[in-house]
Amino acid sequence: MSDVTKVISDRIEERGMTIATAARRANMTPDLLSRTLNGARKLKADELVNLCRVLDLALDDFSKKEAFV
């Protein structure tokens, strides 16, 4: 799991969301998001923007040292 997908996955869990719910709100299919989080495909820029909107993530959330521990 990459640092970016870890931050996204952790936020989904923190929010008590399912992957399916997060995916639908970000205009993705649950399968697409699941494969992305599992490293089977790369995250596209527009998908990242949509996920950040849905999960209330900012660019700073991806650069905090504690996010990658």
Protein backbone atom coordinates (compact mmCIF):
# COMPACT_ATOMS: atom_id res chain seq x y z
CA MET A 1 0.00 0.00 0.00
CA SER A 2 1.42 3.39 -0.95
CA ASP A 3 1.51 6.32 1.43
CA VAL A 4 -1.33 8.01 -0.46
CA THR A 5 -3.60 4.99 -0.43
CA LYS A 6 -2.81 4.42 3.26
CA VAL A 7 -3.97 7.94 4.11
CA ILE A 8 -7.15 7.40 2.08
CA SER A 9 -7.80 3.98 3.58
CA ASP A 10 -7.21 5.24 7.11
CA ARG A 11 -9.59 8.16 6.57
CA ILE A 12 -12.31 5.88 5.21
CA GLU A 13 -11.95 3.80 8.38
CA GLU A 14 -11.86 6.89 10.66
CA ARG A 15 -15.09 8.12 9.11
CA GLY A 16 -16.76 4.77 9.63
CA MET A 17 -17.41 4.48 5.91
CA THR A 18 -17.28 1.43 3.76
CA ILE A 19 -15.18 1.33 0.62
CA ALA A 20 -18.43 1.08 -1.34
CA THR A 21 -19.84 4.26 0.21
CA ALA A 22 -16.63 6.23 -0.26
CA ALA A 23 -16.34 5.02 -3.85
CA ARG A 24 -19.90 5.96 -4.79
CA ARG A 25 -19.56 9.41 -3.24
CA ALA A 26 -16.32 9.92 -5.21
CA ASN A 27 -17.93 8.79 -8.49
CA MET A 28 -15.98 5.52 -8.55
CA THR A 29 -17.12 1.94 -8.48
CA PRO A 30 -16.39 0.04 -5.27
CA ASP A 31 -14.29 -2.46 -7.25
CA LEU A 32 -12.16 0.34 -8.73
CA LEU A 33 -11.48 1.89 -5.32
CA SER A 34 -10.79 -1.51 -3.76
CA ARG A 35 -8.27 -2.40 -6.47
CA THR A 36 -6.64 1.01 -6.05
CA LEU A 37 -6.32 0.64 -2.29
CA ASN A 38 -4.90 -2.85 -2.73
CA GLY A 39 -2.26 -1.63 -5.18
CA ALA A 40 -3.66 -3.40 -8.22
CA ARG A 41 -4.06 -0.13 -10.12
CA LYS A 42 -2.82 3.44 -9.91
CA LEU A 43 -4.99 6.25 -8.61
CA LYS A 44 -5.82 8.86 -11.24
CA ALA A 45 -5.59 12.56 -10.40
CA ASP A 46 -9.32 13.20 -10.80
CA GLU A 47 -10.09 10.24 -8.54
CA LEU A 48 -7.73 11.62 -5.90
CA VAL A 49 -9.41 15.02 -6.06
CA ASN A 50 -12.86 13.43 -5.67
CA LEU A 51 -11.73 11.23 -2.78
CA CYS A 52 -10.14 14.22 -1.03
CA ARG A 53 -13.42 16.11 -1.36
CA VAL A 54 -15.47 13.19 -0.03
CA LEU A 55 -13.09 12.40 2.82
CA ASP A 56 -12.29 16.03 3.69
CA LEU A 57 -8.58 15.55 3.01
CA ALA A 58 -6.15 18.35 2.17
CA LEU A 59 -2.73 18.13 0.58
CA ASP A 60 -1.20 18.64 4.02
CA ASP A 61 -2.78 15.37 5.14
CA PHE A 62 -0.50 13.54 2.72
CA SER A 63 2.70 15.21 3.94
CA LYS A 64 2.39 14.87 7.70
CA LYS A 65 5.08 12.57 9.03
CA GLU A 66 2.73 10.83 11.44
CA ALA A 67 0.48 9.86 8.51
CA PHE A 68 3.24 7.62 7.18
CA VAL A 69 4.39 5.91 10.36
